[in-house]
Amino acid sequence: MAHEHAHDHGHHHHELPSPDRLNSAFYIGIGLNLAFVVIETCAGFYTRSLALLTDAGHNLSDVGILGLSLLAFRLARAPASSRFSYGYRKSTVLASLINALLLLVAVGGIGYEAARRLSTPPAIPGLTVAAVAAAGILINALSAWLFYHDREKDLNIKGAYLHLAADAAVSAGVMIAGLAMYFAGWRWLDPVISFVILAVILWSSWSLLRESVFLSIDAVPGRIEVEKIRAAALNIKGVKDIHHIHVWAMSTTENAMTAHLVLEAGFFGDGTQSVKKQFRHTLEHMNIRHATLETESEMEDCECRDCDGN
């Protein structure tokens, strides 16, 4: 059998997140959210508002999540070693999973507090709460905007974006509730708005959690279809069959694949490299840049015992 391992040596590349831009985005986002936590905590103690203090704790989790995402982003670019032959790229998947789990924990905490307040809504200074929440909208929206451009390029970045966008929605709900409580005295609106916001957070975080879990156990990444890989291979002249296809995520931006290509007798040997080159170029279009390919002639049996046509 012939073997070849490709590491993105072609000239066709899909756009990846800019390291410099993302480093700046993470640092600015961490700084803005940390400053807001201090402001919101001081306002919460000054007004004795549990809502503001609770939200300050929630925003403090944003700082931790952004810090975790930054750490994973930096680790993904660390060089490989003899122990970690792929480097630390998989840490981005772990960070996205933790982000999703923290979102669910936040949902549980907010849900408990909302349910408790539904029966006995407390009296709080609505105008002060609305003013602080308005500042929260600006800070969280600006922080989310920093990651908007790269949100679909990296699952870890998407997690940070969704978390910040959800917090902007939380702040909007708190502001509306604060104004309504101040002008109309509707204290019950605070927990009701909270339940609406919880639904938004759950809807936005479910896909992140599901994909993070799948990538953690080396499932095929969501945007890649094995049948399309098979069809693309069979469309290349000289390829008789393809089997033993395995695709997994090396990180939230890079995918790897192994496969066995069965070549027609006339292409096995001198034509092998040409077939592999065409297939590698096709795989780049599918966002697979690391491919280990084994080739065999249609005249020989596959040496791998567990080759079952997959």
C-alpha atoms as a PDB file:
ATOM      1  CA  MET A   1       0.000   0.000   0.000  1.00  0.00           C
ATOM      2  CA  ALA A   2       1.064   3.571  -0.631  1.00  0.00           C
ATOM      3  CA  HIS A   3       0.679   6.168   2.106  1.00  0.00           C
ATOM      4  CA  GLU A   4       0.602   9.929   2.136  1.00  0.00           C
ATOM      5  CA  HIS A   5      -0.148  12.536   4.747  1.00  0.00           C
ATOM      6  CA  ALA A   6      -1.039  16.038   3.609  1.00  0.00           C
ATOM      7  CA  HIS A   7      -0.691  19.138   5.788  1.00  0.00           C
ATOM      8  CA  ASP A   8      -2.230  21.977   3.822  1.00  0.00           C
ATOM      9  CA  HIS A   9       0.574  22.486   1.344  1.00  0.00           C
ATOM     10  CA  GLY A  10      -1.751  23.590  -1.445  1.00  0.00           C
ATOM     11  CA  HIS A  11      -2.421  27.175  -2.429  1.00  0.00           C
ATOM     12  CA  HIS A  12      -6.159  27.077  -1.913  1.00  0.00           C
ATOM     13  CA  HIS A  13      -7.117  28.236   1.568  1.00  0.00           C
ATOM     14  CA  HIS A  14     -10.361  29.049   3.327  1.00  0.00           C
ATOM     15  CA  GLU A  15     -10.298  32.190   5.421  1.00  0.00           C
ATOM     16  CA  LEU A  16      -9.316  31.626   9.050  1.00  0.00           C
ATOM     17  CA  PRO A  17      -9.778  34.004  11.963  1.00  0.00           C
ATOM     18  CA  SER A  18      -7.106  36.711  12.177  1.00  0.00           C
ATOM     19  CA  PRO A  19      -4.952  36.066  15.286  1.00  0.00           C
ATOM     20  CA  ASP A  20      -4.127  39.750  15.769  1.00  0.00           C
ATOM     21  CA  ARG A  21      -7.752  40.863  15.469  1.00  0.00           C
ATOM     22  CA  LEU A  22      -8.981  38.168  17.825  1.00  0.00           C
ATOM     23  CA  ASN A  23      -6.280  38.859  20.410  1.00  0.00           C
ATOM     24  CA  SER A  24      -7.406  42.487  20.477  1.00  0.00           C
ATOM     25  CA  ALA A  25     -11.064  41.445  20.610  1.00  0.00           C
ATOM     26  CA  PHE A  26     -10.474  39.179  23.606  1.00  0.00           C
ATOM     27  CA  TYR A  27      -8.461  41.770  25.538  1.00  0.00           C
ATOM     28  CA  ILE A  28     -10.954  44.571  24.848  1.00  0.00           C
ATOM     29  CA  GLY A  29     -13.904  42.315  25.702  1.00  0.00           C
ATOM     30  CA  ILE A  30     -12.305  41.216  28.971  1.00  0.00           C
ATOM     31  CA  GLY A  31     -11.467  44.808  29.910  1.00  0.00           C
ATOM     32  CA  LEU A  32     -14.957  46.147  29.136  1.00  0.00           C
ATOM     33  CA  ASN A  33     -16.752  43.384  31.006  1.00  0.00           C
ATOM     34  CA  LEU A  34     -14.447  43.596  34.019  1.00  0.00           C
ATOM     35  CA  ALA A  35     -15.039  47.351  34.240  1.00  0.00           C
ATOM     36  CA  PHE A  36     -18.796  46.816  34.019  1.00  0.00           C
ATOM     37  CA  VAL A  37     -18.704  44.200  36.793  1.00  0.00           C
ATOM     38  CA  VAL A  38     -17.099  46.777  39.104  1.00  0.00           C
ATOM     39  CA  ILE A  39     -19.668  49.453  38.170  1.00  0.00           C
ATOM     40  CA  GLU A  40     -22.625  47.084  38.504  1.00  0.00           C
ATOM     41  CA  THR A  41     -21.427  45.701  41.837  1.00  0.00           C
ATOM     42  CA  CYS A  42     -21.010  49.200  43.282  1.00  0.00           C
ATOM     43  CA  ALA A  43     -24.470  50.193  42.002  1.00  0.00           C
ATOM     44  CA  GLY A  44     -25.964  47.012  43.429  1.00  0.00           C
ATOM     45  CA  PHE A  45     -24.581  47.656  46.910  1.00  0.00           C
ATOM     46  CA  TYR A  46     -25.547  51.337  46.742  1.00  0.00           C
ATOM     47  CA  THR A  47     -29.177  50.612  45.797  1.00  0.00           C
ATOM     48  CA  ARG A  48     -29.349  47.293  47.670  1.00  0.00           C
ATOM     49  CA  SER A  49     -30.559  45.704  44.441  1.00  0.00           C
ATOM     50  CA  LEU A  50     -30.179  41.937  44.385  1.00  0.00           C
ATOM     51  CA  ALA A  51     -30.937  41.989  40.655  1.00  0.00           C
ATOM     52  CA  LEU A  52     -27.889  44.118  39.921  1.00  0.00           C
ATOM     53  CA  LEU A  53     -25.637  42.081  42.208  1.00  0.00           C
ATOM     54  CA  THR A  54     -26.841  38.831  40.623  1.00  0.00           C
ATOM     55  CA  ASP A  55     -26.275  40.226  37.138  1.00  0.00           C
ATOM     56  CA  ALA A  56     -22.829  41.413  38.206  1.00  0.00           C
ATOM     57  CA  GLY A  57     -21.971  37.848  39.167  1.00  0.00           C
ATOM     58  CA  HIS A  58     -23.276  36.667  35.809  1.00  0.00           C
ATOM     59  CA  ASN A  59     -21.159  39.241  33.974  1.00  0.00           C
ATOM     60  CA  LEU A  60     -18.162  38.152  36.006  1.00  0.00           C
ATOM     61  CA  SER A  61     -18.659  34.734  34.435  1.00  0.00           C
ATOM     62  CA  ASP A  62     -18.293  36.499  31.067  1.00  0.00           C
ATOM     63  CA  VAL A  63     -14.810  37.602  32.069  1.00  0.00           C
ATOM     64  CA  GLY A  64     -13.931  34.031  32.986  1.00  0.00           C
ATOM     65  CA  ILE A  65     -15.376  32.657  29.761  1.00  0.00           C
ATOM     66  CA  LEU A  66     -13.548  35.198  27.615  1.00  0.00           C
ATOM     67  CA  GLY A  67     -10.346  34.434  29.496  1.00  0.00           C
ATOM     68  CA  LEU A  68     -10.875  30.711  28.929  1.00  0.00           C
ATOM     69  CA  SER A  69     -11.560  31.283  25.233  1.00  0.00           C
ATOM     70  CA  LEU A  70      -8.422  33.418  24.919  1.00  0.00           C
ATOM     71  CA  LEU A  71      -6.346  30.730  26.631  1.00  0.00           C
ATOM     72  CA  ALA A  72      -7.692  28.060  24.267  1.00  0.00           C
ATOM     73  CA  PHE A  73      -7.095  30.338  21.273  1.00  0.00           C
ATOM     74  CA  ARG A  74      -3.462  30.829  22.296  1.00  0.00           C
ATOM     75  CA  LEU A  75      -2.945  27.143  23.136  1.00  0.00           C
ATOM     76  CA  ALA A  76      -4.243  26.153  19.695  1.00  0.00           C
ATOM     77  CA  ARG A  77      -1.239  27.931  18.187  1.00  0.00           C
ATOM     78  CA  ALA A  78       1.332  26.354  20.464  1.00  0.00           C
ATOM     79  CA  PRO A  79       3.792  24.026  18.693  1.00  0.00           C
ATOM     80  CA  ALA A  80       3.330  20.268  18.781  1.00  0.00           C
ATOM     81  CA  SER A  81       5.531  18.060  20.940  1.00  0.00           C
ATOM     82  CA  SER A  82       6.393  14.360  21.146  1.00  0.00           C
ATOM     83  CA  ARG A  83       3.617  13.915  23.735  1.00  0.00           C
ATOM     84  CA  PHE A  84       1.049  16.188  22.064  1.00  0.00           C
ATOM     85  CA  SER A  85       1.629  15.421  18.391  1.00  0.00           C
ATOM     86  CA  TYR A  86      -1.296  17.619  17.297  1.00  0.00           C
ATOM     87  CA  GLY A  87      -0.322  20.428  19.666  1.00  0.00           C
ATOM     88  CA  TYR A  88      -3.075  21.803  21.897  1.00  0.00           C
ATOM     89  CA  ARG A  89      -5.655  22.513  19.195  1.00  0.00           C
ATOM     90  CA  LYS A  90      -8.285  20.309  20.798  1.00  0.00           C
ATOM     91  CA  SER A  91      -8.391  22.717  23.748  1.00  0.00           C
ATOM     92  CA  THR A  92     -10.599  24.991  21.608  1.00  0.00           C
ATOM     93  CA  VAL A  93     -13.256  22.251  21.522  1.00  0.00           C
ATOM     94  CA  LEU A  94     -12.977  21.798  25.285  1.00  0.00           C
ATOM     95  CA  ALA A  95     -13.360  25.554  25.831  1.00  0.00           C
ATOM     96  CA  SER A  96     -16.480  25.710  23.635  1.00  0.00           C
ATOM     97  CA  LEU A  97     -17.988  22.817  25.607  1.00  0.00           C
ATOM     98  CA  ILE A  98     -17.276  24.558  28.921  1.00  0.00           C
ATOM     99  CA  ASN A  99     -18.779  27.779  27.543  1.00  0.00           C
ATOM    100  CA  ALA A 100     -21.979  25.949  26.623  1.00  0.00           C
ATOM    101  CA  LEU A 101     -22.178  24.276  30.035  1.00  0.00           C
ATOM    102  CA  LEU A 102     -21.646  27.601  31.805  1.00  0.00           C
ATOM    103  CA  LEU A 103     -24.499  29.069  29.775  1.00  0.00           C
ATOM    104  CA  LEU A 104     -26.764  26.294  31.034  1.00  0.00           C
ATOM    105  CA  VAL A 105     -25.593  26.853  34.607  1.00  0.00           C
ATOM    106  CA  ALA A 106     -26.415  30.553  34.228  1.00  0.00           C
ATOM    107  CA  VAL A 107     -29.853  29.610  32.900  1.00  0.00           C
ATOM    108  CA  GLY A 108     -30.471  27.453  35.957  1.00  0.00           C
ATOM    109  CA  GLY A 109     -29.441  30.214  38.355  1.00  0.00           C
ATOM    110  CA  ILE A 110     -31.520  32.888  36.647  1.00  0.00           C
ATOM    111  CA  GLY A 111     -34.489  30.509  36.378  1.00  0.00           C
ATOM    112  CA  TYR A 112     -34.400  29.734  40.094  1.00  0.00           C
ATOM    113  CA  GLU A 113     -34.266  33.409  41.021  1.00  0.00           C
ATOM    114  CA  ALA A 114     -37.065  34.288  38.565  1.00  0.00           C
ATOM    115  CA  ALA A 115     -39.311  31.549  39.940  1.00  0.00           C
ATOM    116  CA  ARG A 116     -38.685  32.726  43.492  1.00  0.00           C
ATOM    117  CA  ARG A 117     -39.472  36.335  42.633  1.00  0.00           C
ATOM    118  CA  LEU A 118     -42.616  35.449  40.696  1.00  0.00           C
ATOM    119  CA  SER A 119     -44.516  34.790  43.928  1.00  0.00           C
ATOM    120  CA  THR A 120     -43.108  37.733  45.885  1.00  0.00           C
ATOM    121  CA  PRO A 121     -41.675  40.386  43.545  1.00  0.00           C
ATOM    122  CA  PRO A 122     -39.362  42.663  45.567  1.00  0.00           C
ATOM    123  CA  ALA A 123     -39.442  46.447  45.432  1.00  0.00           C
ATOM    124  CA  ILE A 124     -36.324  47.772  43.723  1.00  0.00           C
ATOM    125  CA  PRO A 125     -35.331  51.213  42.354  1.00  0.00           C
ATOM    126  CA  GLY A 126     -36.429  50.655  38.766  1.00  0.00           C
ATOM    127  CA  LEU A 127     -34.873  53.762  37.230  1.00  0.00           C
ATOM    128  CA  THR A 128     -31.420  53.020  38.634  1.00  0.00           C
ATOM    129  CA  VAL A 129     -31.665  49.398  37.494  1.00  0.00           C
ATOM    130  CA  ALA A 130     -32.718  50.541  34.002  1.00  0.00           C
ATOM    131  CA  ALA A 131     -29.807  52.981  33.755  1.00  0.00           C
ATOM    132  CA  VAL A 132     -27.205  50.390  34.763  1.00  0.00           C
ATOM    133  CA  ALA A 133     -28.817  47.802  32.452  1.00  0.00           C
ATOM    134  CA  ALA A 134     -28.635  50.282  29.551  1.00  0.00           C
ATOM    135  CA  ALA A 135     -24.878  50.512  30.115  1.00  0.00           C
ATOM    136  CA  GLY A 136     -24.820  46.703  30.124  1.00  0.00           C
ATOM    137  CA  ILE A 137     -26.514  46.620  26.716  1.00  0.00           C
ATOM    138  CA  LEU A 138     -23.844  48.872  25.219  1.00  0.00           C
ATOM    139  CA  ILE A 139     -20.915  47.003  26.766  1.00  0.00           C
ATOM    140  CA  ASN A 140     -22.172  43.493  25.938  1.00  0.00           C
ATOM    141  CA  ALA A 141     -23.288  44.475  22.437  1.00  0.00           C
ATOM    142  CA  LEU A 142     -19.916  46.083  21.729  1.00  0.00           C
ATOM    143  CA  SER A 143     -18.095  43.043  23.112  1.00  0.00           C
ATOM    144  CA  ALA A 144     -20.237  40.700  20.989  1.00  0.00           C
ATOM    145  CA  TRP A 145     -19.620  42.841  17.902  1.00  0.00           C
ATOM    146  CA  LEU A 146     -15.869  42.328  18.331  1.00  0.00           C
ATOM    147  CA  PHE A 147     -16.421  38.604  17.617  1.00  0.00           C
ATOM    148  CA  TYR A 148     -19.206  38.950  15.029  1.00  0.00           C
ATOM    149  CA  HIS A 149     -16.946  38.747  11.975  1.00  0.00           C
ATOM    150  CA  ASP A 150     -15.324  35.448  13.036  1.00  0.00           C
ATOM    151  CA  ARG A 151     -18.273  33.756  14.770  1.00  0.00           C
ATOM    152  CA  GLU A 152     -18.850  31.199  11.989  1.00  0.00           C
ATOM    153  CA  LYS A 153     -15.158  30.349  11.564  1.00  0.00           C
ATOM    154  CA  ASP A 154     -14.480  28.926  15.012  1.00  0.00           C
ATOM    155  CA  LEU A 155     -16.854  27.192  17.436  1.00  0.00           C
ATOM    156  CA  ASN A 156     -14.966  28.647  20.395  1.00  0.00           C
ATOM    157  CA  ILE A 157     -15.399  32.191  19.075  1.00  0.00           C
ATOM    158  CA  LYS A 158     -19.045  31.455  18.363  1.00  0.00           C
ATOM    159  CA  GLY A 159     -19.467  30.465  22.013  1.00  0.00           C
ATOM    160  CA  ALA A 160     -18.024  33.782  23.205  1.00  0.00           C
ATOM    161  CA  TYR A 161     -20.191  35.695  20.726  1.00  0.00           C
ATOM    162  CA  LEU A 162     -23.388  33.897  21.742  1.00  0.00           C
ATOM    163  CA  HIS A 163     -22.677  34.398  25.434  1.00  0.00           C
ATOM    164  CA  LEU A 164     -22.108  38.138  25.023  1.00  0.00           C
ATOM    165  CA  ALA A 165     -25.093  38.549  22.702  1.00  0.00           C
ATOM    166  CA  ALA A 166     -27.285  36.694  25.197  1.00  0.00           C
ATOM    167  CA  ASP A 167     -26.061  38.990  27.960  1.00  0.00           C
ATOM    168  CA  ALA A 168     -26.970  42.028  25.857  1.00  0.00           C
ATOM    169  CA  ALA A 169     -30.473  40.548  25.591  1.00  0.00           C
ATOM    170  CA  VAL A 170     -30.501  39.986  29.357  1.00  0.00           C
ATOM    171  CA  SER A 171     -29.557  43.626  29.931  1.00  0.00           C
ATOM    172  CA  ALA A 172     -32.283  44.774  27.521  1.00  0.00           C
ATOM    173  CA  GLY A 173     -34.861  42.755  29.427  1.00  0.00           C
ATOM    174  CA  VAL A 174     -33.663  44.141  32.748  1.00  0.00           C
ATOM    175  CA  MET A 175     -33.827  47.707  31.393  1.00  0.00           C
ATOM    176  CA  ILE A 176     -37.393  47.242  30.132  1.00  0.00           C
ATOM    177  CA  ALA A 177     -38.433  45.720  33.432  1.00  0.00           C
ATOM    178  CA  GLY A 178     -36.755  48.545  35.362  1.00  0.00           C
ATOM    179  CA  LEU A 179     -38.573  51.225  33.375  1.00  0.00           C
ATOM    180  CA  ALA A 180     -41.909  49.441  33.693  1.00  0.00           C
ATOM    181  CA  MET A 181     -41.464  49.041  37.430  1.00  0.00           C
ATOM    182  CA  TYR A 182     -40.539  52.703  37.800  1.00  0.00           C
ATOM    183  CA  PHE A 183     -43.357  54.175  35.691  1.00  0.00           C
ATOM    184  CA  ALA A 184     -46.138  51.602  36.181  1.00  0.00           C
ATOM    185  CA  GLY A 185     -45.162  49.829  39.386  1.00  0.00           C
ATOM    186  CA  TRP A 186     -45.258  46.413  37.665  1.00  0.00           C
ATOM    187  CA  ARG A 187     -42.884  44.558  39.950  1.00  0.00           C
ATOM    188  CA  TRP A 188     -44.046  41.194  38.554  1.00  0.00           C
ATOM    189  CA  LEU A 189     -42.533  42.112  35.167  1.00  0.00           C
ATOM    190  CA  ASP A 190     -38.990  41.475  36.427  1.00  0.00           C
ATOM    191  CA  PRO A 191     -39.344  37.659  36.744  1.00  0.00           C
ATOM    192  CA  VAL A 192     -41.567  37.409  33.651  1.00  0.00           C
ATOM    193  CA  ILE A 193     -38.947  39.133  31.478  1.00  0.00           C
ATOM    194  CA  SER A 194     -36.354  36.800  32.991  1.00  0.00           C
ATOM    195  CA  PHE A 195     -38.231  33.722  31.735  1.00  0.00           C
ATOM    196  CA  VAL A 196     -38.422  35.184  28.229  1.00  0.00           C
ATOM    197  CA  ILE A 197     -34.678  35.839  28.291  1.00  0.00           C
ATOM    198  CA  LEU A 198     -34.029  32.284  29.510  1.00  0.00           C
ATOM    199  CA  ALA A 199     -35.820  30.917  26.465  1.00  0.00           C
ATOM    200  CA  VAL A 200     -33.604  33.045  24.204  1.00  0.00           C
ATOM    201  CA  ILE A 201     -30.426  31.835  25.935  1.00  0.00           C
ATOM    202  CA  LEU A 202     -31.486  28.182  25.751  1.00  0.00           C
ATOM    203  CA  TRP A 203     -32.307  28.486  22.067  1.00  0.00           C
ATOM    204  CA  SER A 204     -28.952  30.114  21.269  1.00  0.00           C
ATOM    205  CA  SER A 205     -26.804  27.777  23.379  1.00  0.00           C
ATOM    206  CA  TRP A 206     -28.326  24.393  22.510  1.00  0.00           C
ATOM    207  CA  SER A 207     -26.648  24.073  19.109  1.00  0.00           C
ATOM    208  CA  LEU A 208     -23.321  25.130  20.633  1.00  0.00           C
ATOM    209  CA  LEU A 209     -23.591  22.489  23.355  1.00  0.00           C
ATOM    210  CA  ARG A 210     -24.617  19.743  20.933  1.00  0.00           C
ATOM    211  CA  GLU A 211     -21.827  20.438  18.447  1.00  0.00           C
ATOM    212  CA  SER A 212     -19.236  20.797  21.222  1.00  0.00           C
ATOM    213  CA  VAL A 213     -20.177  17.402  22.666  1.00  0.00           C
ATOM    214  CA  PHE A 214     -20.078  15.782  19.226  1.00  0.00           C
ATOM    215  CA  LEU A 215     -16.641  17.223  18.436  1.00  0.00           C
ATOM    216  CA  SER A 216     -15.365  16.152  21.861  1.00  0.00           C
ATOM    217  CA  ILE A 217     -16.064  12.504  20.982  1.00  0.00           C
ATOM    218  CA  ASP A 218     -14.604  12.887  17.461  1.00  0.00           C
ATOM    219  CA  ALA A 219     -17.882  12.933  15.559  1.00  0.00           C
ATOM    220  CA  VAL A 220     -17.823  14.155  11.960  1.00  0.00           C
ATOM    221  CA  PRO A 221     -17.942  18.000  12.088  1.00  0.00           C
ATOM    222  CA  GLY A 222     -21.387  19.390  11.366  1.00  0.00           C
ATOM    223  CA  ARG A 223     -20.693  21.012   7.990  1.00  0.00           C
ATOM    224  CA  ILE A 224     -18.969  17.963   6.527  1.00  0.00           C
ATOM    225  CA  GLU A 225     -20.890  15.121   4.880  1.00  0.00           C
ATOM    226  CA  VAL A 226     -19.126  11.793   4.394  1.00  0.00           C
ATOM    227  CA  GLU A 227     -21.318  10.916   1.417  1.00  0.00           C
ATOM    228  CA  LYS A 228     -20.195  14.085  -0.374  1.00  0.00           C
ATOM    229  CA  ILE A 229     -16.581  13.107   0.263  1.00  0.00           C
ATOM    230  CA  ARG A 230     -17.292   9.669  -1.181  1.00  0.00           C
ATOM    231  CA  ALA A 231     -19.023  11.144  -4.240  1.00  0.00           C
ATOM    232  CA  ALA A 232     -16.189  13.628  -4.816  1.00  0.00           C
ATOM    233  CA  ALA A 233     -13.594  10.847  -4.685  1.00  0.00           C
ATOM    234  CA  LEU A 234     -15.497   8.638  -7.106  1.00  0.00           C
ATOM    235  CA  ASN A 235     -15.770  11.584  -9.486  1.00  0.00           C
ATOM    236  CA  ILE A 236     -11.976  11.634  -9.868  1.00  0.00           C
ATOM    237  CA  LYS A 237     -10.689   9.688 -12.852  1.00  0.00           C
ATOM    238  CA  GLY A 238      -8.902   6.537 -11.750  1.00  0.00           C
ATOM    239  CA  VAL A 239     -10.679   6.119  -8.389  1.00  0.00           C
ATOM    240  CA  LYS A 240     -12.587   2.850  -8.270  1.00  0.00           C
ATOM    241  CA  ASP A 241     -13.764   3.053  -4.676  1.00  0.00           C
ATOM    242  CA  ILE A 242     -13.131   4.733  -1.324  1.00  0.00           C
ATOM    243  CA  HIS A 243     -13.656   3.247   2.106  1.00  0.00           C
ATOM    244  CA  HIS A 244     -12.570   3.450   5.729  1.00  0.00           C
ATOM    245  CA  ILE A 245     -13.379   7.170   5.785  1.00  0.00           C
ATOM    246  CA  HIS A 246     -12.860   8.852   9.158  1.00  0.00           C
ATOM    247  CA  VAL A 247     -13.247  12.595   9.677  1.00  0.00           C
ATOM    248  CA  TRP A 248     -12.763  14.425  12.974  1.00  0.00           C
ATOM    249  CA  ALA A 249     -12.026  17.891  14.332  1.00  0.00           C
ATOM    250  CA  MET A 250      -8.454  18.678  15.348  1.00  0.00           C
ATOM    251  CA  SER A 251      -9.736  22.001  16.687  1.00  0.00           C
ATOM    252  CA  THR A 252     -12.759  24.215  16.174  1.00  0.00           C
ATOM    253  CA  THR A 253     -11.269  25.419  12.870  1.00  0.00           C
ATOM    254  CA  GLU A 254      -9.216  22.491  11.524  1.00  0.00           C
ATOM    255  CA  ASN A 255     -10.413  19.064  10.431  1.00  0.00           C
ATOM    256  CA  ALA A 256      -8.524  15.859   9.674  1.00  0.00           C
ATOM    257  CA  MET A 257      -9.375  12.747   7.681  1.00  0.00           C
ATOM    258  CA  THR A 258      -8.088   9.257   6.924  1.00  0.00           C
ATOM    259  CA  ALA A 259      -9.328   7.129   4.040  1.00  0.00           C
ATOM    260  CA  HIS A 260      -8.445   4.236   1.735  1.00  0.00           C
ATOM    261  CA  LEU A 261      -8.559   4.959  -2.001  1.00  0.00           C
ATOM    262  CA  VAL A 262      -8.977   2.002  -4.356  1.00  0.00           C
ATOM    263  CA  LEU A 263      -7.427   2.877  -7.713  1.00  0.00           C
ATOM    264  CA  GLU A 264      -7.956   1.320 -11.084  1.00  0.00           C
ATOM    265  CA  ALA A 265      -5.049  -0.871 -12.144  1.00  0.00           C
ATOM    266  CA  GLY A 266      -3.873   1.613 -14.760  1.00  0.00           C
ATOM    267  CA  PHE A 267      -3.623   4.437 -12.211  1.00  0.00           C
ATOM    268  CA  PHE A 268      -2.008   2.549  -9.341  1.00  0.00           C
ATOM    269  CA  GLY A 269       1.689   3.397  -9.265  1.00  0.00           C
ATOM    270  CA  ASP A 270       2.656   6.226 -11.601  1.00  0.00           C
ATOM    271  CA  GLY A 271      -0.800   7.836 -11.471  1.00  0.00           C
ATOM    272  CA  THR A 272      -1.200   7.656  -7.702  1.00  0.00           C
ATOM    273  CA  GLN A 273       0.268  11.085  -6.930  1.00  0.00           C
ATOM    274  CA  SER A 274      -1.914  12.803  -9.528  1.00  0.00           C
ATOM    275  CA  VAL A 275      -5.075  11.255  -8.062  1.00  0.00           C
ATOM    276  CA  LYS A 276      -4.080  12.233  -4.533  1.00  0.00           C
ATOM    277  CA  LYS A 277      -3.326  15.795  -5.601  1.00  0.00           C
ATOM    278  CA  GLN A 278      -6.775  16.176  -7.150  1.00  0.00           C
ATOM    279  CA  PHE A 279      -8.450  14.675  -4.102  1.00  0.00           C
ATOM    280  CA  ARG A 280      -6.502  16.892  -1.684  1.00  0.00           C
ATOM    281  CA  HIS A 281      -7.601  19.975  -3.602  1.00  0.00           C
ATOM    282  CA  THR A 282     -11.212  18.801  -3.392  1.00  0.00           C
ATOM    283  CA  LEU A 283     -10.891  18.202   0.347  1.00  0.00           C
ATOM    284  CA  GLU A 284      -9.610  21.754   0.877  1.00  0.00           C
ATOM    285  CA  HIS A 285     -12.924  23.006  -0.519  1.00  0.00           C
ATOM    286  CA  MET A 286     -14.605  20.915   2.189  1.00  0.00           C
ATOM    287  CA  ASN A 287     -12.436  22.477   4.928  1.00  0.00           C
ATOM    288  CA  ILE A 288     -10.299  19.347   5.404  1.00  0.00           C
ATOM    289  CA  ARG A 289      -6.636  20.312   5.333  1.00  0.00           C
ATOM    290  CA  HIS A 290      -5.035  17.317   7.037  1.00  0.00           C
ATOM    291  CA  ALA A 291      -5.584  14.084   5.115  1.00  0.00           C
ATOM    292  CA  THR A 292      -3.837  10.745   5.528  1.00  0.00           C
ATOM    293  CA  LEU A 293      -4.559   8.656   2.428  1.00  0.00           C
ATOM    294  CA  GLU A 294      -3.785   5.017   1.764  1.00  0.00           C
ATOM    295  CA  THR A 295      -3.994   3.733  -1.783  1.00  0.00           C
ATOM    296  CA  GLU A 296      -4.481   0.211  -3.062  1.00  0.00           C
ATOM    297  CA  SER A 297      -5.065  -1.359  -6.435  1.00  0.00           C
ATOM    298  CA  GLU A 298      -8.437  -2.800  -7.353  1.00  0.00           C
ATOM    299  CA  MET A 299      -6.538  -6.067  -7.865  1.00  0.00           C
ATOM    300  CA  GLU A 300      -5.589  -6.431  -4.189  1.00  0.00           C
ATOM    301  CA  ASP A 301      -7.546  -6.981  -0.973  1.00  0.00           C
ATOM    302  CA  CYS A 302      -7.533  -4.372   1.777  1.00  0.00           C
ATOM    303  CA  GLU A 303      -5.032  -5.370   4.460  1.00  0.00           C
ATOM    304  CA  CYS A 304      -7.033  -3.665   7.221  1.00  0.00           C
ATOM    305  CA  ARG A 305      -9.268  -6.226   8.897  1.00  0.00           C
ATOM    306  CA  ASP A 306     -11.970  -3.812   9.917  1.00  0.00           C
ATOM    307  CA  CYS A 307     -12.471  -2.291   6.481  1.00  0.00           C
ATOM    308  CA  ASP A 308     -16.188  -2.751   6.019  1.00  0.00           C
ATOM    309  CA  GLY A 309     -16.930  -0.302   3.275  1.00  0.00           C
ATOM    310  CA  ASN A 310     -17.172   2.718   5.602  1.00  0.00           C
END
